[in-house]
Protein backbone atom coordinates (compact mmCIF):
# COMPACT_ATOMS: atom_id res chain seq x y z
CA MET A 1 -7.25 38.65 -37.37
CA ALA A 2 -10.11 36.16 -37.61
CA ASP A 3 -12.36 38.77 -39.34
CA LYS A 4 -9.71 39.54 -41.97
CA ASN A 5 -9.22 35.84 -42.71
CA GLU A 6 -12.96 35.41 -42.94
CA GLN A 7 -13.20 38.33 -45.45
CA LYS A 8 -10.43 36.81 -47.55
CA SER A 9 -12.23 33.47 -47.63
CA LEU A 10 -15.54 35.12 -48.71
CA PHE A 11 -14.04 37.20 -51.55
CA PRO A 12 -13.58 34.30 -54.04
CA VAL A 13 -17.11 33.11 -53.26
CA LEU A 14 -18.65 36.53 -53.96
CA ALA A 15 -16.62 36.91 -57.14
CA LEU A 16 -17.78 33.52 -58.34
CA VAL A 17 -21.37 34.42 -57.56
CA PHE A 18 -21.05 37.76 -59.44
CA PHE A 19 -19.68 36.21 -62.61
CA SER A 20 -22.17 33.35 -62.38
CA MET A 21 -25.02 35.89 -62.21
CA LEU A 22 -23.71 37.70 -65.30
CA VAL A 23 -23.61 34.45 -67.22
CA LEU A 24 -27.09 33.49 -66.04
CA MET A 25 -28.50 36.91 -66.98
CA PHE A 26 -26.98 36.70 -70.46
CA ILE A 27 -28.31 33.17 -71.01
CA TYR A 28 -31.71 34.11 -69.60
CA GLU A 29 -32.01 37.26 -71.80
CA PHE A 30 -30.99 35.35 -74.89
CA THR A 31 -33.53 32.60 -74.14
CA LYS A 32 -36.37 35.10 -73.57
CA GLN A 33 -35.69 36.92 -76.79
CA ALA A 34 -35.50 33.65 -78.67
CA PHE A 35 -38.79 32.28 -77.38
CA ASN A 36 -40.76 35.51 -76.89
CA PRO A 37 -39.50 38.41 -79.06
CA GLN A 38 -42.65 40.47 -78.27
CA ILE A 39 -41.78 40.97 -74.55
CA THR A 40 -41.02 44.57 -73.55
CA ILE A 41 -37.70 45.66 -72.08
CA TRP A 42 -39.23 46.57 -68.69
CA GLU A 43 -41.02 43.24 -68.44
CA SER A 44 -37.83 41.47 -69.39
CA HIS A 45 -35.80 43.38 -66.80
CA ALA A 46 -38.37 42.77 -64.07
CA ILE A 47 -38.48 39.03 -64.75
CA THR A 48 -34.65 38.91 -64.92
CA ILE A 49 -34.25 40.74 -61.60
CA VAL A 50 -36.71 38.43 -59.81
CA PHE A 51 -35.12 35.31 -61.31
CA THR A 52 -31.51 36.31 -60.71
CA SER A 53 -32.27 37.53 -57.18
CA THR A 54 -33.81 34.19 -56.33
CA ILE A 55 -30.85 32.33 -57.79
CA ALA A 56 -28.42 34.67 -55.96
CA VAL A 57 -30.12 34.08 -52.64
CA ILE A 58 -30.02 30.33 -53.16
CA ILE A 59 -26.35 30.41 -54.21
CA LEU A 60 -25.25 32.70 -51.35
CA TYR A 61 -27.23 30.98 -48.60
CA PHE A 62 -25.08 27.83 -48.28
CA PRO A 63 -21.59 29.43 -48.23
CA LEU A 64 -22.81 32.16 -45.88
CA ARG A 65 -24.39 29.58 -43.56
CA SER A 66 -21.17 27.53 -43.60
CA SER A 67 -19.12 30.66 -42.94
CA TYR A 68 -21.37 31.58 -40.03
CA ARG A 69 -21.05 28.13 -38.51
CA GLU A 70 -17.27 28.22 -38.88
CA GLN A 71 -17.25 31.62 -37.23
CA GLN A 72 -19.31 30.26 -34.32
CA LYS A 73 -16.97 27.31 -33.95
CA THR A 74 -13.98 29.62 -33.92
CA GLN A 75 -15.55 31.83 -31.29
CA ASN A 76 -16.45 28.82 -29.13
CA ALA A 77 -12.95 27.44 -29.50
CA LEU A 78 -11.44 30.78 -28.48
CA ARG A 79 -13.80 30.99 -25.51
CA LEU A 80 -12.94 27.45 -24.38
CA GLN A 81 -9.26 28.16 -24.82
CA LYS A 82 -9.51 31.30 -22.68
CA GLU A 83 -11.46 29.37 -20.03
CA ALA A 84 -8.88 26.58 -20.05
CA GLU A 85 -6.05 29.11 -19.79
CA GLU A 86 -7.78 30.80 -16.86
CA LYS A 87 -8.36 27.47 -15.11
CA LEU A 88 -4.74 26.52 -15.74
CA ARG A 89 -3.56 29.85 -14.36
CA LYS A 90 -5.70 29.44 -11.23
CA SER A 91 -4.55 25.83 -10.85
CA GLU A 92 -0.91 26.89 -11.14
CA VAL A 93 -1.47 29.63 -8.56
CA GLN A 94 -3.11 27.18 -6.16
CA TYR A 95 -0.43 24.57 -6.75
CA ARG A 96 2.34 27.10 -6.25
CA SER A 97 0.61 28.36 -3.09
CA PHE A 98 0.41 24.80 -1.75
CA VAL A 99 4.01 24.01 -2.67
CA GLU A 100 5.28 27.16 -0.99
CA SER A 101 3.14 26.79 2.15
CA VAL A 102 4.29 23.33 3.28
CA GLU A 103 7.29 22.76 5.52
CA ASP A 104 8.67 20.01 3.29
CA SER A 105 11.10 20.43 0.43
CA ILE A 106 9.32 19.93 -2.90
CA TYR A 107 10.89 19.90 -6.35
CA THR A 108 10.20 18.37 -9.74
CA VAL A 109 12.80 16.97 -12.14
CA ASP A 110 12.53 15.65 -15.69
CA ARG A 111 13.87 12.37 -17.01
CA THR A 112 17.44 13.75 -17.03
CA CYS A 113 17.12 14.94 -13.40
CA ARG A 114 16.96 18.57 -14.52
CA TYR A 115 14.99 20.84 -12.17
CA LEU A 116 11.61 22.00 -13.49
CA LEU A 117 10.10 23.37 -10.28
CA ILE A 118 11.40 23.98 -6.79
CA ASN A 119 9.85 25.55 -3.70
CA ALA A 120 11.37 28.20 -1.46
CA ARG A 121 11.65 25.76 1.44
CA HIS A 122 14.15 23.58 -0.42
CA VAL A 123 16.13 26.58 -1.62
CA ALA A 124 16.34 27.89 1.95
CA ARG A 125 17.34 24.48 3.26
CA ARG A 126 20.21 24.32 0.80
CA GLY A 127 21.22 27.90 1.60
CA LEU A 128 21.39 29.02 -2.04
CA PRO A 129 19.92 32.00 -3.96
CA PRO A 130 16.43 31.38 -5.48
CA ASP A 131 17.58 31.53 -9.13
CA THR A 132 20.48 29.13 -8.64
CA TYR A 133 18.53 26.05 -9.73
CA ILE A 134 17.26 27.41 -13.07
CA GLY A 135 18.45 25.11 -15.86
CA LYS A 136 20.54 23.02 -13.45
CA THR A 137 20.49 19.30 -12.75
CA TYR A 138 20.56 17.35 -9.49
CA GLY A 139 24.20 16.45 -10.11
CA ASP A 140 25.22 20.14 -10.16
CA PHE A 141 24.53 20.40 -6.40
CA HIS A 142 25.27 16.90 -5.08
CA SER A 143 28.15 14.47 -4.99
CA ALA A 144 28.59 11.77 -7.60
CA GLU A 145 27.50 9.10 -5.11
CA GLU A 146 24.34 10.99 -4.12
CA THR A 147 23.55 11.68 -7.77
CA ALA A 148 23.93 8.01 -8.67
CA VAL A 149 21.49 6.98 -5.92
CA PHE A 150 18.97 9.67 -6.90
CA SER A 151 19.22 8.88 -10.63
CA ASP A 152 18.61 5.21 -9.91
CA GLN A 153 15.49 6.08 -7.91
CA VAL A 154 14.18 8.34 -10.70
CA ALA A 155 14.78 5.53 -13.20
CA ARG A 156 12.79 3.13 -10.99
CA VAL A 157 9.88 5.57 -10.82
CA LEU A 158 9.92 6.03 -14.61
CA ALA A 159 9.98 2.29 -15.19
CA SER A 160 7.44 1.20 -12.57
CA ARG A 161 5.17 4.30 -12.67
CA SER A 162 4.94 3.90 -8.88
CA PRO A 163 6.26 5.98 -5.95
CA VAL A 164 9.65 5.20 -4.43
CA GLN A 165 10.82 6.35 -1.02
CA ASP A 166 13.94 6.12 1.12
CA GLU A 167 15.61 7.61 4.17
CA TYR A 168 18.99 9.34 4.01
CA GLU A 169 21.31 11.34 6.21
CA GLN A 170 22.75 14.72 5.23
CA ASN A 171 24.90 16.99 7.40
CA GLY A 172 23.85 15.24 10.57
CA LYS A 173 20.14 15.38 9.76
CA TYR A 174 17.77 12.66 8.60
CA PHE A 175 15.28 13.02 5.75
CA LEU A 176 12.47 10.92 4.29
CA ARG A 177 12.34 11.35 0.53
CA LYS A 178 9.40 10.21 -1.60
CA LEU A 179 9.53 10.29 -5.40
CA ASN A 180 6.15 10.40 -7.17
CA PRO A 181 5.55 9.95 -10.92
CA VAL A 182 4.01 12.82 -12.90
CA ILE A 183 1.89 11.16 -15.62
CA ASP A 184 0.75 13.11 -18.68
CA PRO A 185 -2.87 12.00 -19.30
CA VAL A 186 -2.61 12.76 -23.02
CA VAL A 187 0.32 10.46 -23.81
CA ASN A 188 -0.22 8.31 -20.68
CA ASP A 189 3.47 8.37 -19.84
CA VAL A 190 5.65 9.55 -16.96
CA VAL A 191 7.07 12.90 -18.01
CA ALA A 192 8.58 14.03 -14.71
CA VAL A 193 9.13 13.08 -11.07
CA THR A 194 8.03 15.17 -8.08
CA VAL A 195 10.12 14.76 -4.93
CA ILE A 196 8.86 15.50 -1.40
CA SER A 197 11.62 15.52 1.20
CA SER A 198 10.66 15.70 4.91
CA ASP A 199 12.96 16.38 7.84
CA ILE A 200 12.60 13.41 10.23
CA THR A 201 15.60 14.19 12.44
CA GLU A 202 13.52 14.55 15.61
CA ARG A 203 11.65 11.35 14.86
CA LYS A 204 14.89 9.42 14.37
CA ARG A 205 16.28 10.80 17.61
CA THR A 206 13.11 9.78 19.44
CA GLU A 207 13.32 6.30 17.92
CA LYS A 208 16.94 5.95 19.03
CA ASN A 209 16.07 7.12 22.54
CA LEU A 210 13.19 4.64 22.72
CA GLU A 211 15.45 1.90 21.43
CA THR A 212 18.01 2.69 24.13
CA ILE A 213 15.33 2.78 26.84
CA ASN A 214 13.83 -0.51 25.66
CA ARG A 215 17.24 -2.13 25.59
CA LYS A 216 17.92 -1.02 29.16
CA LEU A 217 14.48 -2.16 30.33
CA ASN A 218 14.86 -5.52 28.63
CA LEU A 219 18.28 -5.97 30.19
CA MET A 220 16.90 -5.09 33.60
CA ASN A 221 13.98 -7.47 33.11
CA ASP A 222 16.27 -10.28 31.98
CA ILE A 223 18.54 -9.83 35.00
CA THR A 224 15.61 -9.56 37.42
CA ARG A 225 13.83 -12.53 35.88
CA HIS A 226 17.02 -14.61 35.95
CA ASP A 227 17.63 -13.82 39.60
CA MET A 228 14.00 -14.52 40.52
CA LEU A 229 14.07 -17.88 38.75
CA ASN A 230 17.29 -18.81 40.55
CA GLN A 231 15.76 -17.91 43.90
CA LEU A 232 12.58 -19.82 43.08
CA THR A 233 14.64 -22.86 42.12
CA ALA A 234 16.45 -22.68 45.42
CA LEU A 235 13.16 -22.21 47.26
CA SER A 236 11.65 -25.20 45.48
CA SER A 237 14.63 -27.35 46.47
CA LEU A 238 14.34 -26.26 50.08
CA LEU A 239 10.63 -27.01 50.13
CA THR A 240 11.31 -30.48 48.70
CA LEU A 241 13.88 -31.14 51.40
CA ALA A 242 11.54 -29.83 54.09
CA GLU A 243 8.77 -32.09 52.79
CA GLU A 244 11.08 -35.13 52.98
CA HIS A 245 12.03 -34.40 56.58
CA ALA A 246 8.59 -33.37 57.79
CA ASP A 247 6.78 -35.84 60.06
CA ASP A 248 3.45 -34.09 60.26
CA SER A 249 1.07 -34.93 57.39
CA VAL A 250 -0.52 -31.49 57.63
CA MET A 251 2.90 -29.88 57.29
CA LYS A 252 3.64 -32.04 54.26
CA ARG A 253 0.41 -30.97 52.64
CA TYR A 254 1.25 -27.29 53.13
CA LEU A 255 4.76 -27.80 51.80
CA LEU A 256 3.34 -29.54 48.73
CA LYS A 257 1.00 -26.64 48.10
CA SER A 258 3.90 -24.25 48.53
CA GLU A 259 5.80 -26.12 45.82
CA GLN A 260 2.80 -25.80 43.53
CA VAL A 261 2.73 -22.05 44.16
CA VAL A 262 6.43 -21.88 43.29
CA ASP A 263 5.76 -23.77 40.05
CA THR A 264 2.95 -21.37 39.20
CA ILE A 265 5.16 -18.35 39.80
CA GLN A 266 7.89 -19.88 37.63
CA GLY A 267 5.36 -20.46 34.86
CA GLN A 268 4.16 -16.86 35.05
CA ILE A 269 7.71 -15.52 34.90
CA LEU A 270 8.48 -17.69 31.87
CA PHE A 271 5.26 -16.53 30.23
CA ALA A 272 6.23 -12.89 30.82
CA ARG A 273 9.57 -13.63 29.17
CA ASP A 274 7.96 -15.16 26.11
CA TYR A 275 5.24 -12.49 25.88
CA GLN A 276 7.85 -9.75 26.04
CA LYS A 277 9.58 -11.22 22.97
CA ILE A 278 6.45 -11.07 20.77
CA GLY A 279 6.89 -8.50 18.01
CA VAL A 280 10.37 -7.49 19.17
CA GLU A 281 12.04 -9.11 16.17
CA SER A 282 10.78 -8.70 12.61
CA PRO A 283 8.68 -11.52 11.14
CA GLN A 284 10.55 -13.95 8.91
CA TRP A 285 9.87 -16.77 6.46
CA GLN A 286 9.94 -20.16 8.22
CA ASN A 287 9.55 -23.60 6.70
CA LEU A 288 6.44 -25.25 8.14
CA MET A 289 7.84 -28.77 8.35
CA VAL A 290 11.17 -27.71 9.90
CA THR A 291 9.52 -25.47 12.51
CA ILE A 292 7.09 -28.19 13.64
CA GLN A 293 9.88 -30.75 13.88
CA LYS A 294 11.98 -28.35 15.99
CA ALA A 295 9.07 -27.83 18.36
CA ARG A 296 8.60 -31.60 18.66
CA LEU A 297 12.20 -32.43 19.63
CA PRO A 298 11.99 -31.62 23.39
CA LEU A 299 8.80 -33.69 23.73
CA LYS A 300 8.46 -37.47 23.72
CA ILE A 301 5.31 -37.97 21.67
CA PRO A 302 4.28 -41.64 21.23
CA LEU A 303 2.46 -41.21 17.92
CA PHE A 304 3.19 -38.22 15.72
CA PHE A 305 2.13 -37.72 12.10
CA ILE A 306 2.85 -34.74 9.85
CA ASP A 307 1.65 -34.24 6.29
CA GLU A 308 4.53 -34.27 3.81
CA GLN A 309 2.97 -31.26 2.11
CA CYS A 310 4.01 -29.15 5.10
CA SER A 311 7.58 -29.22 3.79
CA GLY A 312 6.41 -27.41 0.66
CA PHE A 313 5.28 -24.22 2.43
CA GLU A 314 6.93 -21.34 4.24
CA ILE A 315 5.06 -19.05 6.65
CA PHE A 316 5.82 -15.38 7.27
CA ALA A 317 5.43 -15.19 11.04
CA ASP A 318 6.97 -14.00 14.28
CA PRO A 319 10.20 -15.83 15.19
CA LEU A 320 8.28 -17.33 18.12
CA LEU A 321 6.31 -19.54 15.69
CA GLU A 322 8.17 -22.56 17.05
CA LYS A 323 6.74 -21.69 20.47
CA VAL A 324 3.24 -21.90 18.97
CA PHE A 325 3.70 -25.49 17.83
CA TYR A 326 5.49 -26.45 21.05
CA ASN A 327 2.53 -25.24 23.15
CA LEU A 328 0.05 -27.05 20.89
CA LEU A 329 2.00 -30.31 21.25
CA ASP A 330 2.52 -29.84 24.99
CA ASN A 331 -1.21 -29.22 25.54
CA ALA A 332 -2.12 -32.29 23.51
CA MET A 333 0.18 -34.49 25.61
CA ARG A 334 -1.15 -33.03 28.87
CA TYR A 335 -4.78 -33.87 28.06
CA ALA A 336 -4.42 -36.91 25.78
CA GLY A 337 -2.05 -38.68 28.19
CA PRO A 338 0.69 -41.24 27.42
CA LEU A 339 -1.20 -42.55 24.39
CA ALA A 340 -1.36 -39.14 22.75
CA GLU A 341 -1.69 -39.24 18.98
CA ILE A 342 -1.03 -35.94 17.21
CA ARG A 343 -1.45 -35.18 13.53
CA PHE A 344 -0.61 -32.08 11.41
CA MET A 345 -2.22 -31.59 7.98
CA VAL A 346 -2.20 -28.71 5.51
CA SER A 347 -4.51 -27.64 2.68
CA GLU A 348 -5.34 -24.59 0.58
CA GLU A 349 -8.79 -23.03 0.81
CA HIS A 350 -10.06 -19.89 -1.00
CA GLY A 351 -6.56 -18.47 -1.34
CA HIS A 352 -5.68 -19.16 2.32
CA LEU A 353 -3.42 -21.85 3.73
CA LEU A 354 -5.17 -23.98 6.36
CA LEU A 355 -3.06 -25.89 8.90
CA THR A 356 -4.83 -28.47 11.09
CA CYS A 357 -3.52 -29.88 14.37
CA GLU A 358 -5.54 -32.85 15.74
CA ASP A 359 -5.15 -35.13 18.75
CA ASN A 360 -7.07 -38.02 20.32
CA GLY A 361 -7.66 -36.36 23.68
CA PRO A 362 -10.99 -35.69 25.42
CA GLY A 363 -11.72 -32.62 23.29
CA ILE A 364 -13.12 -29.22 24.21
CA PRO A 365 -16.76 -28.64 25.29
CA PRO A 366 -18.62 -26.26 22.95
CA GLU A 367 -19.01 -23.59 25.63
CA ASN A 368 -15.22 -23.44 26.17
CA LYS A 369 -14.00 -23.35 22.57
CA GLU A 370 -13.39 -19.60 22.69
CA LYS A 371 -12.63 -19.34 26.41
CA ILE A 372 -9.53 -21.54 26.09
CA PHE A 373 -7.77 -18.64 24.33
CA MET A 374 -8.46 -16.27 27.23
CA ARG A 375 -5.63 -15.50 29.62
CA GLY A 376 -5.87 -17.53 32.83
CA PHE A 377 -8.42 -20.05 31.58
CA GLY A 378 -7.41 -23.68 31.97
CA LYS A 379 -6.18 -26.25 34.45
CA ASN A 380 -2.50 -25.30 34.24
CA THR A 381 -1.21 -21.76 33.85
CA GLY A 382 -3.91 -20.84 31.35
CA LEU A 383 -1.35 -18.89 29.34
CA GLY A 384 -0.27 -21.26 26.54
CA LEU A 385 -3.17 -20.81 24.10
CA PHE A 386 -3.42 -17.10 24.92
CA LEU A 387 0.25 -16.78 23.98
CA ILE A 388 -0.30 -18.79 20.78
CA ARG A 389 -3.06 -16.49 19.54
CA GLU A 390 -0.98 -13.38 20.36
CA ILE A 391 2.05 -14.67 18.43
CA LEU A 392 0.04 -15.64 15.35
CA SER A 393 -1.96 -12.40 15.28
CA MET A 394 1.25 -10.39 14.76
CA THR A 395 1.15 -11.36 11.06
CA GLY A 396 -2.62 -11.69 10.62
CA ILE A 397 -2.78 -15.46 11.24
CA SER A 398 -5.88 -16.71 13.08
CA ILE A 399 -6.52 -19.84 15.16
CA TRP A 400 -9.65 -21.51 16.54
CA GLU A 401 -10.77 -24.91 17.79
CA ASN A 402 -13.54 -26.88 16.06
CA GLY A 403 -13.06 -30.47 17.23
CA GLU A 404 -15.87 -32.69 18.46
CA SER A 405 -16.06 -32.92 22.24
CA GLY A 406 -15.17 -36.42 23.44
CA LYS A 407 -13.31 -37.26 20.23
CA GLY A 408 -10.23 -35.05 20.47
CA THR A 409 -9.28 -31.47 19.79
CA ARG A 410 -8.79 -29.94 16.35
CA PHE A 411 -7.00 -26.58 16.11
CA MET A 412 -7.37 -24.75 12.79
CA ILE A 413 -4.72 -22.19 11.80
CA ARG A 414 -5.57 -19.97 8.83
CA ILE A 415 -2.68 -18.18 7.09
CA PRO A 416 -3.86 -15.32 4.82
CA PRO A 417 -2.53 -14.67 1.29
CA GLY A 418 0.85 -12.98 1.37
CA SER A 419 1.81 -14.70 4.64
CA PHE A 420 2.66 -18.03 3.02
CA ARG A 421 4.53 -19.14 -0.06
CA TYR A 422 5.78 -22.31 -1.71
CA ALA A 423 9.14 -23.32 -0.31
CA PRO A 424 12.05 -23.49 -2.76
CA SER A 425 12.93 -27.03 -3.72
């Protein structure tokens, strides 16, 4: 077909060249006879042939060269088209092979939720013949409620150009469905949505079983811990009474030490209770000022200052955040004594929120600044600061001490971007 078109395009050119040569020959012959009537016929014909041949070659060269170039371009274009078609065919074969080999349901719908592609796994899961989905929409096989939910998800993918996923239950089974945008690189627009639906029934059952087991264990721990604390309280009371009625100083000393052991055991049990709660409940937004004030209420702090800017921020942290501030305040009062002066300040630094807690106590020696966060280190239970760091780390918040020894402690709490926000007025 290309050769015939090429011949048709050359015919007018050759005809034009032929008639142009006739005109040139006539003009040339007339000119020769006018200027040199003595020239012979053979000389005239020889000169005419050489002249016209030269002119013909010059005239034909450019259209023939252009035609040749166009022919080469056409051949290259056809070759590239065949290569692209072959690559597309191989890509489609590989894609189809991948789609059919996975255990998940995979299907593609257009903007109207009409099926464009569907794998055998999904057809088998629905229990329908393979050709059933041709030309059909999602609503042809699902209830109006299910169709409304799916259509809304497709609309969100089309608008945001980002994946959307959800979990749903169907016939007693649970599925995780992820909708991914199909973007045409030519028009740079979402032209379809590919859905990957995975059966997560076994995972959900395992999660429910673990939830039940954890609930039972927590209940058992709560009951056991409650009973142990009651017994320890009774034991502490008995030891106090025994100490009051003891006459021997040695006996009193042993009874006093026994009471201290009871207090230590109580502290460890309470720590285990608090530690068990870390991460159990989902993190939540908490106003900085309100949380610090709640932590302060059980304590009688002589001098307490808090930056007003704290009321303007909320922190996304574990619900035990109040416990963090309570332990910081309790530690400050233990070491700073009855004249404890505690101050909270807040500032923003390189996109982070920096909360400072200072007191006027004796401070921390340089060699102990990191050890104080280790479990068991300290004069009391050695669990408070360890617990603080564990609670804060659940949402990526860090804490360290950088005060000057002999001039008080200074705890720095850094809240990363995304874990704090400005509180609504």
